[in-house]
């Protein structure tokens, strides 16, 4: 920090979590009842309370402040499960649970010191690589929160049945439904009144009178943290599994049908899956053409309608084992990105993250793969063993493409940018004791 003049930004989340859980049994039934709730505080830097200002704040570089607090009463998460097991061979179970996932990036993304203090430096070099100058570069403006927003919640329902069919066969089946709602995101304060929302979406600004907060340098179109109207995801799953155990062999096979859809795709925020690292501060809802009503409804990036897995091994009498693992899965959904449908509401000509057709309108190729292995053990003495293993991954060398380049204004449109790994071999030797 002393050498560059760039001060660290301290974005902090403090959580207090209370969990209550009890299990009781009555006859062939087992019940599990739980309750979780938390108090979460998000801290940023750069503001100080000032009741004499219209916003209630004043600029204060370096000052730590509570940007948002989520109370215990807003995160009550009940969990209820019941299992019926009458004979040790059959088990019928059902559960319902609600979750309130944490917010990971807003203490950084919404902090006012991103703009008020130097966070980046542009450094210039001459042709010989010598540094000839630096320019400080401030980040984006801090963001206020819409009043009365509810924290993101997820409801999950599960119903399943397991059966020990015989001494060698076991079967399992379950169905699952998961729904998430009340997504927060940074967006233009006046996006609902200026960016052509459909009928039914409120038209008032997320924070009325934001443009009067002159002490913060804001306008009616400044970015705020808001609860996006109607943003949701849903996931349905039907899973079946069978398992066979013999004296020298084992086989397990499973098939899952699932459907993942909605209008808020956390796995489609960046070129690669960012695993929701920037929840609340992604490209979703950033200006014209990126709102949840702009072709966002459809199959989401993580949707894999069909997935089949088969795994097995056989033990030979000479301390050798052969194994195999096979998989088949549906392709990855994608959609073209184009600014053309939004020309009348934006001066930008960039197609980045502007959907030109419903989400998930296209699919990459399905992928299948077979992996094989052989292991040979050479035991000696009472406690020593030499293990040799040879493995072949992706035996049929299926280098299926995915992560399609979706922008019509860039080269390679419609072509995959990533591929499953090619056939490869691996040899392992180990001395075990």
Protein backbone atom coordinates (compact mmCIF):
# COMPACT_ATOMS: atom_id res chain seq x y z
CA UNK A 1 0.00 0.00 0.00
CA UNK A 2 2.82 2.43 0.89
CA UNK A 3 4.50 1.91 -2.50
CA UNK A 4 1.39 2.16 -4.71
CA UNK A 5 -0.89 4.50 -2.78
CA UNK A 6 -3.75 2.00 -3.27
CA UNK A 7 -5.59 1.56 0.00
CA UNK A 8 -7.19 -1.81 0.83
CA UNK A 9 -10.98 -1.93 0.76
CA UNK A 10 -12.41 -3.73 3.78
CA UNK A 11 -15.78 -5.28 2.90
CA UNK A 12 -17.03 -7.29 5.86
CA UNK A 13 -19.99 -9.54 6.65
CA UNK A 14 -20.80 -10.41 10.25
CA UNK A 15 -23.32 -13.19 10.90
CA UNK A 16 -24.90 -14.54 14.04
CA UNK A 17 -26.56 -17.89 13.41
CA UNK A 18 -28.88 -19.79 15.73
CA UNK A 19 -29.75 -23.40 14.91
CA UNK A 20 -32.29 -25.57 16.73
CA UNK A 21 -32.74 -29.23 15.81
CA UNK A 22 -34.47 -32.26 17.29
CA UNK A 23 -34.94 -35.88 16.23
CA UNK A 24 -37.55 -38.20 17.68
CA UNK A 25 -38.85 -41.66 16.86
CA UNK A 26 -42.31 -43.16 17.11
CA UNK A 27 -42.75 -46.73 15.99
CA UNK A 28 -41.52 -47.09 12.41
CA UNK A 29 -41.30 -43.33 11.97
CA UNK A 30 -38.38 -40.94 12.49
CA UNK A 31 -38.99 -37.19 12.50
CA UNK A 32 -36.47 -34.39 12.23
CA UNK A 33 -37.50 -30.82 12.99
CA UNK A 34 -35.12 -27.90 12.71
CA UNK A 35 -35.09 -24.12 12.73
CA UNK A 36 -32.27 -21.82 11.63
CA UNK A 37 -32.23 -18.02 11.66
CA UNK A 38 -29.50 -15.44 11.45
CA UNK A 39 -28.66 -11.77 11.82
CA UNK A 40 -26.38 -10.61 9.01
CA UNK A 41 -24.65 -7.24 8.81
CA UNK A 42 -22.82 -6.03 5.70
CA UNK A 43 -20.19 -3.34 6.25
CA UNK A 44 -18.70 -1.03 3.65
CA UNK A 45 -16.44 1.99 3.75
CA UNK A 46 -16.96 5.58 2.71
CA UNK A 47 -20.19 6.84 4.34
CA UNK A 48 -21.25 8.29 7.68
CA UNK A 49 -24.85 8.79 8.93
CA UNK A 50 -26.08 12.40 8.70
CA UNK A 51 -29.76 12.93 9.36
CA UNK A 52 -29.69 16.49 7.99
CA UNK A 53 -29.03 15.24 4.45
CA UNK A 54 -31.86 13.95 2.22
CA UNK A 55 -30.11 10.60 1.87
CA UNK A 56 -29.37 10.28 5.59
CA UNK A 57 -25.67 9.92 4.75
CA UNK A 58 -22.57 11.97 4.06
CA UNK A 59 -19.36 11.02 2.26
CA UNK A 60 -16.62 9.91 4.65
CA UNK A 61 -13.65 8.15 2.98
CA UNK A 62 -12.25 5.36 5.14
CA UNK A 63 -15.21 5.30 7.53
CA UNK A 64 -16.77 1.90 8.22
CA UNK A 65 -20.59 1.84 8.03
CA UNK A 66 -23.45 -0.69 8.04
CA UNK A 67 -24.72 -0.76 4.46
CA UNK A 68 -27.39 -3.40 5.08
CA UNK A 69 -28.64 -5.48 8.00
CA UNK A 70 -30.82 -8.58 7.67
CA UNK A 71 -32.63 -9.34 10.92
CA UNK A 72 -33.36 -12.64 12.63
CA UNK A 73 -37.05 -12.26 11.79
CA UNK A 74 -36.23 -12.10 8.05
CA UNK A 75 -34.30 -15.38 7.88
CA UNK A 76 -36.48 -17.90 9.73
CA UNK A 77 -35.60 -21.20 8.01
CA UNK A 78 -37.71 -24.20 9.02
CA UNK A 79 -36.68 -27.76 8.12
CA UNK A 80 -38.98 -30.77 8.50
CA UNK A 81 -38.24 -34.36 7.51
CA UNK A 82 -39.95 -37.70 8.13
CA UNK A 83 -38.77 -41.26 7.39
CA UNK A 84 -40.84 -44.44 7.52
CA UNK A 85 -38.79 -47.64 7.81
CA UNK A 86 -40.91 -50.64 8.88
CA UNK A 87 -38.54 -53.56 8.31
CA UNK A 88 -34.97 -52.43 7.70
CA UNK A 89 -35.36 -53.05 3.95
CA UNK A 90 -37.78 -50.29 2.94
CA UNK A 91 -37.49 -46.58 3.64
CA UNK A 92 -39.92 -43.89 2.54
CA UNK A 93 -38.85 -40.32 3.28
CA UNK A 94 -40.00 -36.76 2.66
CA UNK A 95 -38.62 -33.35 3.61
CA UNK A 96 -39.15 -29.64 3.18
CA UNK A 97 -36.61 -26.94 3.96
CA UNK A 98 -36.09 -23.24 3.43
CA UNK A 99 -32.66 -21.66 3.07
CA UNK A 100 -31.41 -18.07 3.06
CA UNK A 101 -28.03 -18.20 1.26
CA UNK A 102 -25.41 -15.66 2.20
CA UNK A 103 -24.49 -12.65 0.07
CA UNK A 104 -20.84 -12.78 -0.89
CA UNK A 105 -19.84 -9.70 -2.84
CA UNK A 106 -22.01 -6.70 -1.95
CA UNK A 107 -19.74 -5.37 0.85
CA UNK A 108 -17.18 -4.90 -1.91
CA UNK A 109 -19.43 -3.99 -4.83
CA UNK A 110 -21.64 -1.47 -3.01
CA UNK A 111 -18.95 0.19 -0.90
CA UNK A 112 -18.52 3.94 -1.47
CA UNK A 113 -14.77 3.88 -1.07
CA UNK A 114 -14.53 2.10 -4.43
CA UNK A 115 -14.94 5.60 -5.92
CA UNK A 116 -13.72 7.86 -3.13
CA UNK A 117 -10.24 6.35 -2.77
CA UNK A 118 -7.74 5.04 -5.30
CA UNK A 119 -8.31 1.35 -6.05
CA UNK A 120 -6.47 0.94 -9.35
CA UNK A 121 -3.49 2.43 -11.10
CA UNK A 122 -2.97 2.70 -14.84
CA UNK A 123 0.77 2.32 -15.41
CA UNK A 124 2.50 3.42 -18.63
CA UNK A 125 5.74 1.89 -19.95
CA UNK A 126 8.05 2.93 -22.77
CA UNK A 127 9.22 0.63 -25.58
CA UNK A 128 12.03 -0.71 -23.38
CA UNK A 129 9.68 -1.63 -20.55
CA UNK A 130 10.61 1.27 -18.27
CA UNK A 131 7.82 2.77 -16.21
CA UNK A 132 7.17 6.35 -17.33
CA UNK A 133 3.98 7.27 -15.47
CA UNK A 134 0.94 6.26 -13.44
CA UNK A 135 -2.64 7.46 -13.37
CA UNK A 136 -5.00 6.80 -10.45
CA UNK A 137 -8.29 5.22 -11.47
CA UNK A 138 -11.33 5.23 -9.21
CA UNK A 139 -13.90 2.46 -9.22
CA UNK A 140 -17.63 2.69 -9.70
CA UNK A 141 -19.88 4.70 -7.43
CA UNK A 142 -21.14 3.24 -4.18
CA UNK A 143 -24.70 1.97 -4.06
CA UNK A 144 -27.64 2.47 -1.73
CA UNK A 145 -30.18 -0.28 -1.02
CA UNK A 146 -33.86 -0.30 -1.95
CA UNK A 147 -36.06 -0.17 1.16
CA UNK A 148 -38.06 -3.20 2.24
CA UNK A 149 -36.33 -5.83 0.13
CA UNK A 150 -36.52 -9.48 1.21
CA UNK A 151 -33.39 -11.66 1.35
CA UNK A 152 -33.01 -14.34 -1.29
CA UNK A 153 -34.65 -17.60 -0.22
CA UNK A 154 -34.68 -21.17 -1.52
CA UNK A 155 -37.43 -23.72 -0.84
CA UNK A 156 -36.66 -27.40 -1.41
CA UNK A 157 -39.08 -30.34 -1.42
CA UNK A 158 -37.89 -33.96 -1.49
CA UNK A 159 -39.74 -37.28 -1.65
CA UNK A 160 -37.93 -40.61 -1.96
CA UNK A 161 -38.09 -44.35 -1.52
CA UNK A 162 -35.22 -46.83 -0.94
CA UNK A 163 -35.65 -50.61 -1.07
CA UNK A 164 -33.35 -53.54 -0.33
CA UNK A 165 -34.73 -55.80 -3.06
CA UNK A 166 -32.57 -58.81 -2.20
CA UNK A 167 -29.21 -59.57 -0.61
CA UNK A 168 -27.51 -58.33 -3.76
CA UNK A 169 -29.86 -55.69 -5.21
CA UNK A 170 -30.78 -52.24 -3.87
CA UNK A 171 -33.01 -49.67 -5.57
CA UNK A 172 -33.53 -45.96 -4.92
CA UNK A 173 -35.79 -43.30 -6.39
CA UNK A 174 -36.52 -39.71 -5.43
CA UNK A 175 -38.10 -36.54 -6.77
CA UNK A 176 -36.94 -33.05 -5.85
CA UNK A 177 -38.17 -29.51 -6.44
CA UNK A 178 -36.16 -26.40 -5.60
CA UNK A 179 -37.27 -22.79 -6.11
CA UNK A 180 -35.29 -19.60 -5.45
CA UNK A 181 -36.75 -16.09 -5.33
CA UNK A 182 -36.13 -12.50 -4.16
CA UNK A 183 -32.84 -12.00 -5.98
CA UNK A 184 -30.85 -8.82 -5.28
CA UNK A 185 -28.83 -7.18 -8.01
CA UNK A 186 -27.20 -3.86 -8.85
CA UNK A 187 -29.24 -2.05 -11.49
CA UNK A 188 -30.18 1.44 -12.69
CA UNK A 189 -32.52 3.10 -10.23
CA UNK A 190 -34.92 4.11 -13.02
CA UNK A 191 -34.63 0.94 -15.12
CA UNK A 192 -38.30 0.06 -14.56
CA UNK A 193 -39.48 3.39 -15.95
CA UNK A 194 -37.04 3.85 -18.84
CA UNK A 195 -36.02 0.40 -20.13
CA UNK A 196 -39.29 -0.82 -21.62
CA UNK A 197 -40.53 -3.28 -18.97
CA UNK A 198 -43.52 -5.52 -19.77
CA UNK A 199 -47.00 -5.01 -18.35
CA UNK A 200 -47.22 -5.88 -14.68
CA UNK A 201 -43.77 -4.62 -13.70
CA UNK A 202 -43.91 -1.55 -11.39
CA UNK A 203 -42.80 1.64 -13.10
CA UNK A 204 -41.62 3.67 -10.11
CA UNK A 205 -37.93 4.08 -9.27
CA UNK A 206 -36.44 1.65 -6.80
CA UNK A 207 -35.41 4.59 -4.57
CA UNK A 208 -37.74 7.57 -5.16
CA UNK A 209 -35.95 10.93 -5.23
CA UNK A 210 -32.48 9.45 -5.65
CA UNK A 211 -31.54 12.36 -7.91
CA UNK A 212 -32.03 14.80 -5.02
CA UNK A 213 -29.17 13.23 -3.04
CA UNK A 214 -26.72 15.88 -4.20
CA UNK A 215 -24.50 15.27 -1.19
CA UNK A 216 -23.68 11.85 -2.68
CA UNK A 217 -23.50 12.97 -6.29
CA UNK A 218 -26.28 10.65 -7.43
CA UNK A 219 -28.82 10.91 -10.24
CA UNK A 220 -32.14 9.15 -10.88
CA UNK A 221 -30.31 6.67 -13.13
CA UNK A 222 -27.51 5.81 -10.69
CA UNK A 223 -27.03 2.19 -9.76
CA UNK A 224 -28.68 0.83 -6.62
CA UNK A 225 -29.06 -2.58 -4.99
CA UNK A 226 -32.64 -3.70 -5.66
CA UNK A 227 -34.84 -6.76 -5.47
CA UNK A 228 -35.55 -7.61 -9.10
CA UNK A 229 -39.27 -7.98 -9.79
CA UNK A 230 -40.23 -11.55 -10.62
CA UNK A 231 -36.67 -12.90 -10.66
CA UNK A 232 -36.68 -16.64 -9.91
CA UNK A 233 -35.20 -20.05 -10.67
CA UNK A 234 -36.82 -23.49 -10.50
CA UNK A 235 -35.33 -26.94 -10.55
CA UNK A 236 -37.12 -30.29 -10.93
CA UNK A 237 -35.39 -33.64 -10.59
CA UNK A 238 -36.36 -37.31 -10.88
CA UNK A 239 -33.53 -39.66 -9.91
CA UNK A 240 -33.38 -43.46 -10.09
CA UNK A 241 -30.51 -45.66 -8.97
CA UNK A 242 -29.84 -49.40 -8.81
CA UNK A 243 -26.94 -51.16 -7.10
CA UNK A 244 -25.77 -54.79 -7.30
CA UNK A 245 -23.16 -56.38 -5.06
CA UNK A 246 -21.63 -59.76 -5.77
CA UNK A 247 -18.89 -61.68 -4.01
CA UNK A 248 -16.23 -60.33 -6.39
CA UNK A 249 -18.02 -57.57 -8.29
CA UNK A 250 -20.00 -54.37 -7.88
CA UNK A 251 -22.24 -52.42 -10.25
CA UNK A 252 -24.10 -49.14 -9.79
CA UNK A 253 -26.19 -47.30 -12.39
CA UNK A 254 -28.18 -44.09 -12.09
CA UNK A 255 -30.34 -41.97 -14.36
CA UNK A 256 -31.46 -38.42 -13.58
CA UNK A 257 -34.00 -36.37 -15.49
CA UNK A 258 -33.95 -32.72 -14.47
CA UNK A 259 -35.11 -29.30 -15.63
CA UNK A 260 -33.50 -26.04 -14.46
CA UNK A 261 -35.11 -22.85 -15.71
CA UNK A 262 -35.97 -19.29 -14.72
CA UNK A 263 -34.84 -15.76 -15.54
CA UNK A 264 -31.88 -15.19 -13.20
CA UNK A 265 -28.93 -17.27 -14.36
CA UNK A 266 -26.13 -17.09 -11.81
CA UNK A 267 -24.07 -19.54 -13.88
CA UNK A 268 -24.28 -17.32 -16.95
CA UNK A 269 -22.88 -14.07 -15.56
CA UNK A 270 -19.41 -14.31 -17.05
CA UNK A 271 -17.65 -16.13 -19.88
CA UNK A 272 -17.08 -19.01 -17.47
CA UNK A 273 -19.18 -20.24 -14.57
CA UNK A 274 -18.22 -17.99 -11.65
CA UNK A 275 -20.17 -20.15 -9.16
CA UNK A 276 -22.15 -17.08 -8.05
CA UNK A 277 -19.04 -15.41 -6.62
CA UNK A 278 -20.43 -12.02 -7.60
CA UNK A 279 -24.00 -12.56 -6.50
CA UNK A 280 -25.61 -9.12 -6.32
CA UNK A 281 -23.08 -7.41 -8.57
CA UNK A 282 -23.08 -9.19 -11.91
CA UNK A 283 -23.92 -8.09 -15.45
CA UNK A 284 -27.56 -9.09 -14.90
CA UNK A 285 -29.80 -5.97 -14.95
CA UNK A 286 -26.93 -3.70 -16.00
CA UNK A 287 -28.70 -1.24 -18.27
CA UNK A 288 -30.73 -1.76 -21.42
CA UNK A 289 -31.05 -5.28 -22.79
CA UNK A 290 -29.87 -6.99 -19.61
CA UNK A 291 -33.02 -6.83 -17.49
CA UNK A 292 -34.85 -9.98 -16.39
CA UNK A 293 -37.59 -9.21 -18.94
CA UNK A 294 -35.10 -9.13 -21.86
CA UNK A 295 -35.36 -12.74 -23.11
CA UNK A 296 -33.98 -13.97 -19.78
CA UNK A 297 -36.72 -16.53 -19.17
CA UNK A 298 -35.78 -20.00 -20.38
CA UNK A 299 -33.51 -22.95 -19.71
CA UNK A 300 -30.54 -21.87 -17.61
CA UNK A 301 -26.89 -22.65 -18.27
CA UNK A 302 -26.75 -25.43 -15.66
CA UNK A 303 -29.68 -27.38 -17.15
CA UNK A 304 -28.76 -30.96 -18.13
CA UNK A 305 -32.02 -32.68 -19.00
CA UNK A 306 -30.64 -36.24 -19.05
CA UNK A 307 -27.70 -37.73 -17.18
CA UNK A 308 -26.77 -41.44 -17.05
CA UNK A 309 -23.90 -42.86 -14.99
CA UNK A 310 -22.66 -46.45 -14.75
CA UNK A 311 -19.86 -47.61 -12.46
CA UNK A 312 -18.55 -51.08 -11.70
CA UNK A 313 -15.54 -53.22 -10.85
CA UNK A 314 -14.50 -56.87 -10.73
CA UNK A 315 -11.94 -58.40 -8.35
CA UNK A 316 -9.78 -61.19 -9.80
CA UNK A 317 -8.36 -64.02 -7.69
CA UNK A 318 -4.79 -62.79 -8.33
CA UNK A 319 -5.23 -59.48 -6.40
CA UNK A 320 -6.15 -57.56 -9.52
CA UNK A 321 -9.18 -55.32 -10.07
CA UNK A 322 -10.64 -53.96 -13.29
CA UNK A 323 -12.99 -50.97 -13.13
CA UNK A 324 -15.09 -48.92 -15.52
CA UNK A 325 -17.00 -45.65 -15.31
CA UNK A 326 -19.29 -44.38 -18.06
CA UNK A 327 -21.35 -41.21 -18.34
CA UNK A 328 -23.81 -39.64 -20.76
CA UNK A 329 -25.26 -36.16 -20.35
CA UNK A 330 -27.29 -33.70 -22.38
CA UNK A 331 -25.66 -30.64 -23.89
CA UNK A 332 -25.34 -27.16 -22.39
CA UNK A 333 -28.04 -24.54 -23.14
CA UNK A 334 -26.98 -21.29 -24.78
CA UNK A 335 -28.56 -18.35 -26.60
CA UNK A 336 -27.30 -15.74 -29.04
CA UNK A 337 -26.37 -12.32 -27.69
CA UNK A 338 -27.26 -9.28 -29.81
CA UNK A 339 -27.85 -5.59 -29.19
CA UNK A 340 -30.21 -5.32 -32.17
CA UNK A 341 -33.50 -5.80 -30.22
CA UNK A 342 -32.50 -2.92 -27.91
CA UNK A 343 -31.19 -0.31 -30.35
CA UNK A 344 -34.12 2.01 -29.59
CA UNK A 345 -33.39 2.12 -25.83
CA UNK A 346 -29.57 2.19 -25.69
CA UNK A 347 -26.77 4.13 -27.28
CA UNK A 348 -24.43 1.17 -26.82
CA UNK A 349 -23.56 -1.10 -29.72
CA UNK A 350 -22.19 -3.90 -27.58
CA UNK A 351 -23.95 -7.27 -27.62
CA UNK A 352 -22.26 -8.38 -24.41
CA UNK A 353 -24.82 -10.16 -22.18
CA UNK A 354 -27.75 -8.82 -24.22
CA UNK A 355 -29.88 -11.81 -25.14
CA UNK A 356 -31.24 -11.79 -28.68
CA UNK A 357 -33.48 -14.85 -28.15
CA UNK A 358 -34.97 -16.66 -25.12
CA UNK A 359 -32.42 -18.06 -22.70
CA UNK A 360 -31.31 -21.59 -23.52
CA UNK A 361 -32.80 -21.64 -27.02
CA UNK A 362 -29.90 -23.80 -28.28
CA UNK A 363 -27.97 -26.83 -27.03
CA UNK A 364 -24.41 -27.97 -27.45
CA UNK A 365 -23.83 -31.62 -28.38
CA UNK A 366 -24.45 -34.30 -25.77
CA UNK A 367 -21.37 -35.84 -24.22
CA UNK A 368 -20.55 -39.45 -23.40
CA UNK A 369 -17.35 -40.84 -21.99
CA UNK A 370 -15.88 -44.15 -20.76
CA UNK A 371 -13.01 -44.44 -18.29
CA UNK A 372 -11.22 -47.75 -17.59
CA UNK A 373 -8.74 -48.82 -14.93
CA UNK A 374 -6.77 -51.87 -13.84
CA UNK A 375 -5.14 -52.20 -10.41
CA UNK A 376 -2.66 -54.89 -9.39
CA UNK A 377 -1.60 -55.38 -5.77
CA UNK A 378 1.57 -57.21 -4.68
CA UNK A 379 1.25 -57.80 -0.93
CA UNK A 380 4.26 -59.03 1.04
CA UNK A 381 4.86 -59.52 4.69
CA UNK A 382 2.02 -58.79 7.06
CA UNK A 383 1.57 -55.08 6.39
CA UNK A 384 3.22 -54.08 3.12
CA UNK A 385 1.85 -53.77 -0.40
CA UNK A 386 3.01 -52.49 -3.78
CA UNK A 387 0.15 -51.14 -5.85
CA UNK A 388 0.33 -50.57 -9.63
CA UNK A 389 -2.56 -48.91 -11.43
CA UNK A 390 -3.12 -48.10 -15.09
CA UNK A 391 -6.00 -45.81 -16.17
CA UNK A 392 -7.41 -44.67 -19.49
CA UNK A 393 -9.71 -41.66 -19.40
CA UNK A 394 -12.13 -40.87 -22.23
CA UNK A 395 -11.40 -44.10 -24.08
CA UNK A 396 -13.35 -43.03 -27.20
CA UNK A 397 -11.66 -39.59 -27.24
CA UNK A 398 -14.91 -37.59 -27.35
CA UNK A 399 -13.75 -33.97 -27.15
CA UNK A 400 -17.24 -32.51 -26.99
CA UNK A 401 -17.40 -28.71 -27.14
CA UNK A 402 -19.25 -26.44 -24.72
CA UNK A 403 -19.18 -22.81 -23.47
CA UNK A 404 -20.29 -21.46 -26.86
CA UNK A 405 -19.24 -17.96 -27.99
CA UNK A 406 -22.74 -16.40 -28.16
CA UNK A 407 -22.08 -12.83 -29.43
CA UNK A 408 -23.12 -12.12 -32.99
CA UNK A 409 -20.74 -9.12 -33.15
CA UNK A 410 -17.61 -11.20 -32.48
CA UNK A 411 -15.76 -13.81 -34.49
CA UNK A 412 -16.42 -17.45 -33.70
CA UNK A 413 -20.13 -16.94 -33.08
CA UNK A 414 -21.82 -20.24 -32.25
CA UNK A 415 -18.54 -22.10 -31.79
CA UNK A 416 -17.50 -23.77 -28.52
CA UNK A 417 -14.63 -22.23 -26.58
CA UNK A 418 -14.00 -25.19 -24.28
CA UNK A 419 -13.84 -28.93 -24.79
CA UNK A 420 -13.91 -32.04 -22.66
CA UNK A 421 -10.40 -33.35 -22.14
CA UNK A 422 -9.05 -35.77 -24.78
CA UNK A 423 -8.07 -39.39 -24.23
CA UNK A 424 -5.25 -39.65 -21.73
CA UNK A 425 -3.35 -42.35 -19.87
CA UNK A 426 -2.15 -42.44 -16.29
CA UNK A 427 0.17 -44.87 -14.50
CA UNK A 428 0.47 -44.92 -10.72
CA UNK A 429 2.79 -46.84 -8.42
CA UNK A 430 2.50 -46.76 -4.65
CA UNK A 431 4.17 -48.43 -1.69
CA UNK A 432 1.62 -48.97 1.08
CA UNK A 433 2.29 -49.80 4.68
